[in-house]
PDB file of N, CA and C in Angstrom:
ATOM      1  N   UNK A   1      12.500   5.991   4.649  1.00  0.00           N
ATOM      2  CA  UNK A   1      11.562   5.087   5.284  1.00  0.00           C
ATOM      3  C   UNK A   1      12.340   3.990   5.991  1.00  0.00           C
ATOM      4  N   UNK A   2      11.883   3.642   7.158  1.00  0.00           N
ATOM      5  CA  UNK A   2      12.486   2.557   7.923  1.00  0.00           C
ATOM      6  C   UNK A   2      11.428   1.493   8.154  1.00  0.00           C
ATOM      7  N   UNK A   3      11.748   0.262   7.791  1.00  0.00           N
ATOM      8  CA  UNK A   3      10.838  -0.862   7.994  1.00  0.00           C
ATOM      9  C   UNK A   3      11.384  -1.785   9.065  1.00  0.00           C
ATOM     10  N   UNK A   4      10.536  -2.619   9.651  1.00  0.00           N
ATOM     11  CA  UNK A   4      10.990  -3.572  10.668  1.00  0.00           C
ATOM     12  C   UNK A   4      12.008  -4.562  10.088  1.00  0.00           C
ATOM     13  N   UNK A   5      12.805  -5.137  10.990  1.00  0.00           N
ATOM     14  CA  UNK A   5      13.733  -6.194  10.574  1.00  0.00           C
ATOM     15  C   UNK A   5      12.963  -7.279   9.846  1.00  0.00           C
ATOM     16  N   UNK A   6      13.571  -7.819   8.813  1.00  0.00           N
ATOM     17  CA  UNK A   6      12.919  -8.849   8.026  1.00  0.00           C
ATOM     18  C   UNK A   6      12.186  -8.304   6.817  1.00  0.00           C
ATOM     19  N   UNK A   7      12.043  -6.976   6.745  1.00  0.00           N
ATOM     20  CA  UNK A   7      11.328  -6.355   5.635  1.00  0.00           C
ATOM     21  C   UNK A   7      12.146  -5.245   4.970  1.00  0.00           C
ATOM     22  N   UNK A   8      13.423  -5.174   5.301  1.00  0.00           N
ATOM     23  CA  UNK A   8      14.287  -4.109   4.778  1.00  0.00           C
ATOM     24  C   UNK A   8      14.353  -4.112   3.250  1.00  0.00           C
ATOM     25  N   UNK A   9      14.188  -5.301   2.632  1.00  0.00           N
ATOM     26  CA  UNK A   9      14.250  -5.383   1.174  1.00  0.00           C
ATOM     27  C   UNK A   9      13.114  -4.608   0.500  1.00  0.00           C
ATOM     28  N   UNK A  10      12.070  -4.300   1.247  1.00  0.00           N
ATOM     29  CA  UNK A  10      10.941  -3.562   0.686  1.00  0.00           C
ATOM     30  C   UNK A  10      11.115  -2.043   0.782  1.00  0.00           C
ATOM     31  N   UNK A  11      12.197  -1.598   1.411  1.00  0.00           N
ATOM     32  CA  UNK A  11      12.415  -0.161   1.566  1.00  0.00           C
ATOM     33  C   UNK A  11      12.573   0.555   0.226  1.00  0.00           C
ATOM     34  N   UNK A  12      12.915  -0.178  -0.818  1.00  0.00           N
ATOM     35  CA  UNK A  12      13.041   0.452  -2.146  1.00  0.00           C
ATOM     36  C   UNK A  12      11.680   0.907  -2.671  1.00  0.00           C
ATOM     37  N   UNK A  13      10.604   0.474  -2.017  1.00  0.00           N
ATOM     38  CA  UNK A  13       9.259   0.875  -2.415  1.00  0.00           C
ATOM     39  C   UNK A  13       8.694   1.961  -1.494  1.00  0.00           C
ATOM     40  N   UNK A  14       9.560   2.755  -0.913  1.00  0.00           N
ATOM     41  CA  UNK A  14       9.158   3.801   0.031  1.00  0.00           C
ATOM     42  C   UNK A  14       8.086   4.727  -0.545  1.00  0.00           C
ATOM     43  N   UNK A  15       8.131   4.982  -1.826  1.00  0.00           N
ATOM     44  CA  UNK A  15       7.159   5.890  -2.444  1.00  0.00           C
ATOM     45  C   UNK A  15       5.729   5.358  -2.369  1.00  0.00           C
ATOM     46  N   UNK A  16       5.579   4.069  -2.105  1.00  0.00           N
ATOM     47  CA  UNK A  16       4.245   3.472  -2.004  1.00  0.00           C
ATOM     48  C   UNK A  16       3.709   3.502  -0.576  1.00  0.00           C
ATOM     49  N   UNK A  17       4.490   3.886   0.403  1.00  0.00           N
ATOM     50  CA  UNK A  17       4.063   3.918   1.808  1.00  0.00           C
ATOM     51  C   UNK A  17       3.310   5.222   2.074  1.00  0.00           C
ATOM     52  N   UNK A  18       2.048   5.239   1.695  1.00  0.00           N
ATOM     53  CA  UNK A  18       1.236   6.451   1.761  1.00  0.00           C
ATOM     54  C   UNK A  18       0.091   6.269   2.763  1.00  0.00           C
ATOM     55  N   UNK A  19      -0.147   7.282   3.612  1.00  0.00           N
ATOM     56  CA  UNK A  19      -1.098   7.131   4.705  1.00  0.00           C
ATOM     57  C   UNK A  19      -2.572   7.242   4.348  1.00  0.00           C
ATOM     58  N   UNK A  20      -2.911   7.760   3.177  1.00  0.00           N
ATOM     59  CA  UNK A  20      -4.334   7.922   2.873  1.00  0.00           C
ATOM     60  C   UNK A  20      -4.723   7.200   1.592  1.00  0.00           C
ATOM     61  N   UNK A  21      -5.985   6.833   1.533  1.00  0.00           N
ATOM     62  CA  UNK A  21      -6.521   6.150   0.358  1.00  0.00           C
ATOM     63  C   UNK A  21      -6.396   7.025  -0.887  1.00  0.00           C
ATOM     64  N   UNK A  22      -6.646   8.311  -0.729  1.00  0.00           N
ATOM     65  CA  UNK A  22      -6.527   9.232  -1.856  1.00  0.00           C
ATOM     66  C   UNK A  22      -5.117   9.278  -2.411  1.00  0.00           C
ATOM     67  N   UNK A  23      -4.123   9.324  -1.521  1.00  0.00           N
ATOM     68  CA  UNK A  23      -2.727   9.328  -1.965  1.00  0.00           C
ATOM     69  C   UNK A  23      -2.366   8.016  -2.654  1.00  0.00           C
ATOM     70  N   UNK A  24      -2.836   6.908  -2.095  1.00  0.00           N
ATOM     71  CA  UNK A  24      -2.548   5.604  -2.704  1.00  0.00           C
ATOM     72  C   UNK A  24      -3.209   5.481  -4.077  1.00  0.00           C
ATOM     73  N   UNK A  25      -4.424   5.959  -4.195  1.00  0.00           N
ATOM     74  CA  UNK A  25      -5.128   5.937  -5.476  1.00  0.00           C
ATOM     75  C   UNK A  25      -4.402   6.794  -6.506  1.00  0.00           C
ATOM     76  N   UNK A  26      -4.004   7.981  -6.099  1.00  0.00           N
ATOM     77  CA  UNK A  26      -3.279   8.883  -7.006  1.00  0.00           C
ATOM     78  C   UNK A  26      -1.953   8.266  -7.447  1.00  0.00           C
ATOM     79  N   UNK A  27      -1.253   7.612  -6.532  1.00  0.00           N
ATOM     80  CA  UNK A  27       0.015   6.947  -6.868  1.00  0.00           C
ATOM     81  C   UNK A  27      -0.218   5.854  -7.906  1.00  0.00           C
ATOM     82  N   UNK A  28      -1.276   5.048  -7.710  1.00  0.00           N
ATOM     83  CA  UNK A  28      -1.586   3.995  -8.679  1.00  0.00           C
ATOM     84  C   UNK A  28      -1.877   4.587 -10.055  1.00  0.00           C
ATOM     85  N   UNK A  29      -2.730   5.579 -10.092  1.00  0.00           N
ATOM     86  CA  UNK A  29      -3.153   6.164 -11.363  1.00  0.00           C
ATOM     87  C   UNK A  29      -1.998   6.847 -12.082  1.00  0.00           C
ATOM     88  N   UNK A  30      -1.078   7.442 -11.340  1.00  0.00           N
ATOM     89  CA  UNK A  30       0.028   8.182 -11.961  1.00  0.00           C
ATOM     90  C   UNK A  30       1.255   7.314 -12.236  1.00  0.00           C
ATOM     91  N   UNK A  31       1.192   6.026 -11.883  1.00  0.00           N
ATOM     92  CA  UNK A  31       2.335   5.128 -12.093  1.00  0.00           C
ATOM     93  C   UNK A  31       2.156   4.322 -13.375  1.00  0.00           C
ATOM     94  N   UNK A  32       3.272   3.913 -13.925  1.00  0.00           N
ATOM     95  CA  UNK A  32       3.251   3.038 -15.101  1.00  0.00           C
ATOM     96  C   UNK A  32       3.002   1.598 -14.632  1.00  0.00           C
ATOM     97  N   UNK A  33       2.395   0.807 -15.485  1.00  0.00           N
ATOM     98  CA  UNK A  33       2.090  -0.581 -15.130  1.00  0.00           C
ATOM     99  C   UNK A  33       3.346  -1.360 -14.761  1.00  0.00           C
ATOM    100  N   UNK A  34       4.457  -1.053 -15.368  1.00  0.00           N
ATOM    101  CA  UNK A  34       5.706  -1.741 -15.050  1.00  0.00           C
ATOM    102  C   UNK A  34       6.066  -1.557 -13.574  1.00  0.00           C
ATOM    103  N   UNK A  35       5.956  -0.318 -13.075  1.00  0.00           N
ATOM    104  CA  UNK A  35       6.269  -0.034 -11.668  1.00  0.00           C
ATOM    105  C   UNK A  35       5.231  -0.666 -10.746  1.00  0.00           C
ATOM    106  N   UNK A  36       3.975  -0.623 -11.144  1.00  0.00           N
ATOM    107  CA  UNK A  36       2.906  -1.234 -10.349  1.00  0.00           C
ATOM    108  C   UNK A  36       3.131  -2.736 -10.248  1.00  0.00           C
ATOM    109  N   UNK A  37       3.446  -3.364 -11.364  1.00  0.00           N
ATOM    110  CA  UNK A  37       3.666  -4.819 -11.384  1.00  0.00           C
ATOM    111  C   UNK A  37       4.879  -5.218 -10.562  1.00  0.00           C
ATOM    112  N   UNK A  38       5.930  -4.408 -10.588  1.00  0.00           N
ATOM    113  CA  UNK A  38       7.127  -4.696  -9.789  1.00  0.00           C
ATOM    114  C   UNK A  38       6.800  -4.636  -8.292  1.00  0.00           C
ATOM    115  N   UNK A  39       6.063  -3.606  -7.888  1.00  0.00           N
ATOM    116  CA  UNK A  39       5.649  -3.480  -6.488  1.00  0.00           C
ATOM    117  C   UNK A  39       4.757  -4.658  -6.094  1.00  0.00           C
ATOM    118  N   UNK A  40       3.808  -4.991  -6.933  1.00  0.00           N
ATOM    119  CA  UNK A  40       2.895  -6.116  -6.677  1.00  0.00           C
ATOM    120  C   UNK A  40       3.680  -7.414  -6.475  1.00  0.00           C
ATOM    121  N   UNK A  41       4.605  -7.687  -7.366  1.00  0.00           N
ATOM    122  CA  UNK A  41       5.382  -8.931  -7.284  1.00  0.00           C
ATOM    123  C   UNK A  41       6.191  -8.998  -5.991  1.00  0.00           C
ATOM    124  N   UNK A  42       6.779  -7.892  -5.582  1.00  0.00           N
ATOM    125  CA  UNK A  42       7.591  -7.867  -4.366  1.00  0.00           C
ATOM    126  C   UNK A  42       6.736  -8.050  -3.113  1.00  0.00           C
ATOM    127  N   UNK A  43       5.551  -7.460  -3.104  1.00  0.00           N
ATOM    128  CA  UNK A  43       4.701  -7.490  -1.918  1.00  0.00           C
ATOM    129  C   UNK A  43       3.834  -8.742  -1.822  1.00  0.00           C
ATOM    130  N   UNK A  44       3.309  -9.184  -2.924  1.00  0.00           N
ATOM    131  CA  UNK A  44       2.311 -10.264  -2.914  1.00  0.00           C
ATOM    132  C   UNK A  44       2.806 -11.512  -2.182  1.00  0.00           C
ATOM    133  N   UNK A  45       3.997 -11.950  -2.483  1.00  0.00           N
ATOM    134  CA  UNK A  45       4.538 -13.146  -1.847  1.00  0.00           C
ATOM    135  C   UNK A  45       4.913 -12.969  -0.388  1.00  0.00           C
ATOM    136  N   UNK A  46       4.929 -11.738   0.081  1.00  0.00           N
ATOM    137  CA  UNK A  46       5.329 -11.441   1.468  1.00  0.00           C
ATOM    138  C   UNK A  46       4.146 -11.164   2.384  1.00  0.00           C
ATOM    139  N   UNK A  47       2.935 -11.166   1.867  1.00  0.00           N
ATOM    140  CA  UNK A  47       1.793 -10.722   2.661  1.00  0.00           C
ATOM    141  C   UNK A  47       1.522 -11.580   3.892  1.00  0.00           C
ATOM    142  N   UNK A  48       1.723 -12.874   3.834  1.00  0.00           N
ATOM    143  CA  UNK A  48       1.515 -13.688   5.041  1.00  0.00           C
ATOM    144  C   UNK A  48       2.447 -13.230   6.158  1.00  0.00           C
ATOM    145  N   UNK A  49       3.698 -13.007   5.833  1.00  0.00           N
ATOM    146  CA  UNK A  49       4.662 -12.537   6.837  1.00  0.00           C
ATOM    147  C   UNK A  49       4.332 -11.123   7.296  1.00  0.00           C
ATOM    148  N   UNK A  50       3.924 -10.266   6.375  1.00  0.00           N
ATOM    149  CA  UNK A  50       3.577  -8.884   6.724  1.00  0.00           C
ATOM    150  C   UNK A  50       2.375  -8.869   7.662  1.00  0.00           C
ATOM    151  N   UNK A  51       1.337  -9.616   7.329  1.00  0.00           N
ATOM    152  CA  UNK A  51       0.142  -9.638   8.177  1.00  0.00           C
ATOM    153  C   UNK A  51       0.425 -10.263   9.537  1.00  0.00           C
ATOM    154  N   UNK A  52       1.255 -11.284   9.565  1.00  0.00           N
ATOM    155  CA  UNK A  52       1.633 -11.882  10.849  1.00  0.00           C
ATOM    156  C   UNK A  52       2.370 -10.860  11.715  1.00  0.00           C
ATOM    157  N   UNK A  53       3.270 -10.105  11.115  1.00  0.00           N
ATOM    158  CA  UNK A  53       4.007  -9.087  11.868  1.00  0.00           C
ATOM    159  C   UNK A  53       3.053  -7.999  12.358  1.00  0.00           C
ATOM    160  N   UNK A  54       2.208  -7.494  11.462  1.00  0.00           N
ATOM    161  CA  UNK A  54       1.305  -6.404  11.835  1.00  0.00           C
ATOM    162  C   UNK A  54       0.297  -6.823  12.888  1.00  0.00           C
ATOM    163  N   UNK A  55      -0.063  -8.091  12.921  1.00  0.00           N
ATOM    164  CA  UNK A  55      -1.060  -8.555  13.898  1.00  0.00           C
ATOM    165  C   UNK A  55      -0.546  -8.487  15.335  1.00  0.00           C
ATOM    166  N   UNK A  56       0.741  -8.278  15.503  1.00  0.00           N
ATOM    167  CA  UNK A  56       1.319  -8.140  16.847  1.00  0.00           C
ATOM    168  C   UNK A  56       1.115  -6.746  17.432  1.00  0.00           C
ATOM    169  N   UNK A  57       0.579  -5.829  16.632  1.00  0.00           N
ATOM    170  CA  UNK A  57       0.448  -4.426  17.048  1.00  0.00           C
ATOM    171  C   UNK A  57      -0.999  -3.963  16.956  1.00  0.00           C
ATOM    172  N   UNK A  58      -1.370  -3.092  17.861  1.00  0.00           N
ATOM    173  CA  UNK A  58      -2.656  -2.411  17.784  1.00  0.00           C
ATOM    174  C   UNK A  58      -2.514  -1.264  16.786  1.00  0.00           C
ATOM    175  N   UNK A  59      -3.490  -1.076  15.940  1.00  0.00           N
ATOM    176  CA  UNK A  59      -3.415  -0.017  14.924  1.00  0.00           C
ATOM    177  C   UNK A  59      -3.200   1.344  15.572  1.00  0.00           C
ATOM    178  N   UNK A  60      -3.849   1.596  16.693  1.00  0.00           N
ATOM    179  CA  UNK A  60      -3.759   2.903  17.340  1.00  0.00           C
ATOM    180  C   UNK A  60      -2.464   3.123  18.110  1.00  0.00           C
ATOM    181  N   UNK A  61      -1.656   2.071  18.249  1.00  0.00           N
ATOM    182  CA  UNK A  61      -0.416   2.188  19.016  1.00  0.00           C
ATOM    183  C   UNK A  61       0.725   1.486  18.285  1.00  0.00           C
ATOM    184  N   UNK A  62       0.808   1.699  16.998  1.00  0.00           N
ATOM    185  CA  UNK A  62       1.768   1.008  16.151  1.00  0.00           C
ATOM    186  C   UNK A  62       3.067   1.811  16.068  1.00  0.00           C
ATOM    187  N   UNK A  63       4.222   1.157  16.230  1.00  0.00           N
ATOM    188  CA  UNK A  63       5.481   1.883  16.044  1.00  0.00           C
ATOM    189  C   UNK A  63       5.602   2.356  14.594  1.00  0.00           C
ATOM    190  N   UNK A  64       6.388   3.380  14.385  1.00  0.00           N
ATOM    191  CA  UNK A  64       6.490   4.002  13.060  1.00  0.00           C
ATOM    192  C   UNK A  64       6.937   3.019  11.983  1.00  0.00           C
ATOM    193  N   UNK A  65       7.878   2.134  12.279  1.00  0.00           N
ATOM    194  CA  UNK A  65       8.330   1.192  11.240  1.00  0.00           C
ATOM    195  C   UNK A  65       7.214   0.230  10.841  1.00  0.00           C
ATOM    196  N   UNK A  66       6.394  -0.189  11.808  1.00  0.00           N
ATOM    197  CA  UNK A  66       5.257  -1.061  11.502  1.00  0.00           C
ATOM    198  C   UNK A  66       4.194  -0.293  10.720  1.00  0.00           C
ATOM    199  N   UNK A  67       4.004   0.971  11.057  1.00  0.00           N
ATOM    200  CA  UNK A  67       3.032   1.788  10.342  1.00  0.00           C
ATOM    201  C   UNK A  67       3.423   1.926   8.867  1.00  0.00           C
ATOM    202  N   UNK A  68       4.709   2.083   8.595  1.00  0.00           N
ATOM    203  CA  UNK A  68       5.162   2.160   7.205  1.00  0.00           C
ATOM    204  C   UNK A  68       4.890   0.850   6.465  1.00  0.00           C
ATOM    205  N   UNK A  69       5.070  -0.262   7.156  1.00  0.00           N
ATOM    206  CA  UNK A  69       4.765  -1.566   6.565  1.00  0.00           C
ATOM    207  C   UNK A  69       3.264  -1.694   6.298  1.00  0.00           C
ATOM    208  N   UNK A  70       2.447  -1.211   7.214  1.00  0.00           N
ATOM    209  CA  UNK A  70       1.000  -1.197   7.016  1.00  0.00           C
ATOM    210  C   UNK A  70       0.639  -0.387   5.772  1.00  0.00           C
ATOM    211  N   UNK A  71       1.236   0.779   5.615  1.00  0.00           N
ATOM    212  CA  UNK A  71       0.955   1.616   4.440  1.00  0.00           C
ATOM    213  C   UNK A  71       1.322   0.888   3.150  1.00  0.00           C
ATOM    214  N   UNK A  72       2.428   0.147   3.159  1.00  0.00           N
ATOM    215  CA  UNK A  72       2.790  -0.636   1.971  1.00  0.00           C
ATOM    216  C   UNK A  72       1.732  -1.698   1.689  1.00  0.00           C
ATOM    217  N   UNK A  73       1.253  -2.365   2.740  1.00  0.00           N
ATOM    218  CA  UNK A  73       0.223  -3.390   2.564  1.00  0.00           C
ATOM    219  C   UNK A  73      -1.063  -2.776   2.016  1.00  0.00           C
ATOM    220  N   UNK A  74      -1.422  -1.602   2.500  1.00  0.00           N
ATOM    221  CA  UNK A  74      -2.619  -0.931   1.989  1.00  0.00           C
ATOM    222  C   UNK A  74      -2.430  -0.512   0.527  1.00  0.00           C
ATOM    223  N   UNK A  75      -1.220  -0.144   0.155  1.00  0.00           N
ATOM    224  CA  UNK A  75      -0.953   0.182  -1.248  1.00  0.00           C
ATOM    225  C   UNK A  75      -1.071  -1.053  -2.123  1.00  0.00           C
ATOM    226  N   UNK A  76      -0.661  -2.206  -1.606  1.00  0.00           N
ATOM    227  CA  UNK A  76      -0.847  -3.434  -2.378  1.00  0.00           C
ATOM    228  C   UNK A  76      -2.334  -3.662  -2.629  1.00  0.00           C
ATOM    229  N   UNK A  77      -3.166  -3.466  -1.621  1.00  0.00           N
ATOM    230  CA  UNK A  77      -4.611  -3.621  -1.805  1.00  0.00           C
ATOM    231  C   UNK A  77      -5.133  -2.641  -2.848  1.00  0.00           C
ATOM    232  N   UNK A  78      -4.560  -1.471  -2.893  1.00  0.00           N
ATOM    233  CA  UNK A  78      -4.975  -0.457  -3.863  1.00  0.00           C
ATOM    234  C   UNK A  78      -4.613  -0.836  -5.289  1.00  0.00           C
ATOM    235  N   UNK A  79      -3.443  -1.433  -5.489  1.00  0.00           N
ATOM    236  CA  UNK A  79      -2.987  -1.707  -6.858  1.00  0.00           C
ATOM    237  C   UNK A  79      -3.340  -3.109  -7.347  1.00  0.00           C
ATOM    238  N   UNK A  80      -3.747  -4.001  -6.466  1.00  0.00           N
ATOM    239  CA  UNK A  80      -4.024  -5.383  -6.871  1.00  0.00           C
ATOM    240  C   UNK A  80      -5.019  -5.483  -8.033  1.00  0.00           C
ATOM    241  N   UNK A  81      -6.140  -4.758  -8.016  1.00  0.00           N
ATOM    242  CA  UNK A  81      -7.052  -4.864  -9.158  1.00  0.00           C
ATOM    243  C   UNK A  81      -6.413  -4.421 -10.481  1.00  0.00           C
ATOM    244  N   UNK A  82      -5.530  -3.445 -10.424  1.00  0.00           N
ATOM    245  CA  UNK A  82      -4.858  -2.993 -11.642  1.00  0.00           C
ATOM    246  C   UNK A  82      -4.049  -4.119 -12.270  1.00  0.00           C
ATOM    247  N   UNK A  83      -3.445  -4.952 -11.423  1.00  0.00           N
ATOM    248  CA  UNK A  83      -2.623  -6.068 -11.906  1.00  0.00           C
ATOM    249  C   UNK A  83      -3.488  -7.287 -12.223  1.00  0.00           C
ATOM    250  N   UNK A  84      -4.367  -7.638 -11.305  1.00  0.00           N
ATOM    251  CA  UNK A  84      -5.111  -8.893 -11.408  1.00  0.00           C
ATOM    252  C   UNK A  84      -6.288  -8.850 -12.380  1.00  0.00           C
ATOM    253  N   UNK A  85      -6.888  -7.689 -12.563  1.00  0.00           N
ATOM    254  CA  UNK A  85      -8.099  -7.619 -13.384  1.00  0.00           C
ATOM    255  C   UNK A  85      -7.971  -6.752 -14.626  1.00  0.00           C
ATOM    256  N   UNK A  86      -7.320  -5.584 -14.498  1.00  0.00           N
ATOM    257  CA  UNK A  86      -7.397  -4.587 -15.566  1.00  0.00           C
ATOM    258  C   UNK A  86      -6.148  -4.443 -16.424  1.00  0.00           C
ATOM    259  N   UNK A  87      -5.000  -4.834 -15.904  1.00  0.00           N
ATOM    260  CA  UNK A  87      -3.725  -4.655 -16.597  1.00  0.00           C
ATOM    261  C   UNK A  87      -3.526  -3.213 -17.063  1.00  0.00           C
ATOM    262  N   UNK A  88      -3.968  -2.299 -16.231  1.00  0.00           N
ATOM    263  CA  UNK A  88      -3.767  -0.865 -16.465  1.00  0.00           C
ATOM    264  C   UNK A  88      -3.951  -0.151 -15.129  1.00  0.00           C
ATOM    265  N   UNK A  89      -3.371   1.027 -14.962  1.00  0.00           N
ATOM    266  CA  UNK A  89      -3.439   1.732 -13.676  1.00  0.00           C
ATOM    267  C   UNK A  89      -4.839   2.195 -13.271  1.00  0.00           C
ATOM    268  N   UNK A  90      -5.695   2.454 -14.242  1.00  0.00           N
ATOM    269  CA  UNK A  90      -7.040   2.924 -13.904  1.00  0.00           C
ATOM    270  C   UNK A  90      -8.016   1.762 -13.875  1.00  0.00           C
ATOM    271  N   UNK A  91      -9.087   1.946 -13.140  1.00  0.00           N
ATOM    272  CA  UNK A  91     -10.114   0.929 -13.009  1.00  0.00           C
ATOM    273  C   UNK A  91     -11.191   1.196 -14.048  1.00  0.00           C
ATOM    274  N   UNK A  92     -11.456   0.225 -14.882  1.00  0.00           N
ATOM    275  CA  UNK A  92     -12.470   0.367 -15.910  1.00  0.00           C
ATOM    276  C   UNK A  92     -13.834   0.523 -15.239  1.00  0.00           C
ATOM    277  N   UNK A  93     -14.563   1.554 -15.607  1.00  0.00           N
ATOM    278  CA  UNK A  93     -15.877   1.858 -15.039  1.00  0.00           C
ATOM    279  C   UNK A  93     -15.831   2.051 -13.525  1.00  0.00           C
ATOM    280  N   UNK A  94     -14.676   2.484 -12.992  1.00  0.00           N
ATOM    281  CA  UNK A  94     -14.545   2.706 -11.552  1.00  0.00           C
ATOM    282  C   UNK A  94     -14.947   4.114 -11.158  1.00  0.00           C
ATOM    283  N   UNK A  95     -14.896   4.374  -9.856  1.00  0.00           N
ATOM    284  CA  UNK A  95     -15.194   5.706  -9.348  1.00  0.00           C
ATOM    285  C   UNK A  95     -14.119   6.691  -9.771  1.00  0.00           C
ATOM    286  N   UNK A  96     -14.518   7.914 -10.024  1.00  0.00           N
ATOM    287  CA  UNK A  96     -13.570   8.995 -10.287  1.00  0.00           C
ATOM    288  C   UNK A  96     -12.760   9.208  -9.012  1.00  0.00           C
ATOM    289  N   UNK A  97     -11.439   9.189  -9.098  1.00  0.00           N
ATOM    290  CA  UNK A  97     -10.583   9.284  -7.915  1.00  0.00           C
ATOM    291  C   UNK A  97     -10.791  10.573  -7.137  1.00  0.00           C
ATOM    292  N   UNK A  98     -11.325  11.604  -7.747  1.00  0.00           N
ATOM    293  CA  UNK A  98     -11.552  12.868  -7.040  1.00  0.00           C
ATOM    294  C   UNK A  98     -12.680  12.745  -6.023  1.00  0.00           C
ATOM    295  N   UNK A  99     -13.423  11.653  -6.058  1.00  0.00           N
ATOM    296  CA  UNK A  99     -14.495  11.443  -5.084  1.00  0.00           C
ATOM    297  C   UNK A  99     -13.961  10.953  -3.748  1.00  0.00           C
ATOM    298  N   UNK A 100     -12.723  10.473  -3.719  1.00  0.00           N
ATOM    299  CA  UNK A 100     -12.124   9.980  -2.481  1.00  0.00           C
ATOM    300  C   UNK A 100     -11.753  11.136  -1.579  1.00  0.00           C
ATOM    301  N   UNK A 101     -12.003  10.943  -0.294  1.00  0.00           N
ATOM    302  CA  UNK A 101     -11.560  11.904   0.706  1.00  0.00           C
ATOM    303  C   UNK A 101     -10.344  11.331   1.402  1.00  0.00           C
ATOM    304  N   UNK A 102      -9.424  12.190   1.778  1.00  0.00           N
ATOM    305  CA  UNK A 102      -8.240  11.751   2.494  1.00  0.00           C
ATOM    306  C   UNK A 102      -8.630  11.275   3.895  1.00  0.00           C
ATOM    307  N   UNK A 103      -8.177  10.082   4.256  1.00  0.00           N
ATOM    308  CA  UNK A 103      -8.487   9.513   5.572  1.00  0.00           C
ATOM    309  C   UNK A 103      -7.290   8.705   6.037  1.00  0.00           C
ATOM    310  N   UNK A 104      -6.271   9.354   6.597  1.00  0.00           N
ATOM    311  CA  UNK A 104      -5.075   8.602   7.020  1.00  0.00           C
ATOM    312  C   UNK A 104      -5.370   7.650   8.169  1.00  0.00           C
ATOM    313  N   UNK A 105      -4.595   6.580   8.230  1.00  0.00           N
ATOM    314  CA  UNK A 105      -4.701   5.648   9.361  1.00  0.00           C
ATOM    315  C   UNK A 105      -4.108   6.370  10.559  1.00  0.00           C
ATOM    316  N   UNK A 106      -4.895   6.474  11.612  1.00  0.00           N
ATOM    317  CA  UNK A 106      -4.411   7.159  12.806  1.00  0.00           C
ATOM    318  C   UNK A 106      -5.130   6.612  14.024  1.00  0.00           C
ATOM    319  N   UNK A 107      -4.848   7.212  15.154  1.00  0.00           N
ATOM    320  CA  UNK A 107      -5.449   6.793  16.402  1.00  0.00           C
ATOM    321  C   UNK A 107      -6.853   7.337  16.592  1.00  0.00           C
ATOM    322  N   UNK A 108      -7.309   8.219  15.710  1.00  0.00           N
ATOM    323  CA  UNK A 108      -8.644   8.763  15.875  1.00  0.00           C
ATOM    324  C   UNK A 108      -9.655   7.980  15.064  1.00  0.00           C
ATOM    325  N   UNK A 109     -10.857   7.950  15.550  1.00  0.00           N
ATOM    326  CA  UNK A 109     -11.927   7.221  14.849  1.00  0.00           C
ATOM    327  C   UNK A 109     -12.788   8.155  14.056  1.00  0.00           C
TER     328      UNK A 109
END
């Protein structure tokens, strides 16, 4: 995975750069809380800079390195409840993950 300049330190989290909600959900559920918490800690403090960088690009015309950064940000959104509310990878009384359909971020609507 290649990330934009200024975000190279996040490349160690390449496994979290997943294009679909289903993949991100599966990654959260199959990960240990220790790994989820480490990813959360690394990303959470960087979100202002990440969002500022991503706002310079149109989603439908994003360079590959920015797209990988977007996928990391979407993974943070996926795992945040596990850290902030549940302290476990699964969501208590949440939807069964098999109900999710794969929907990658792309240029198509």
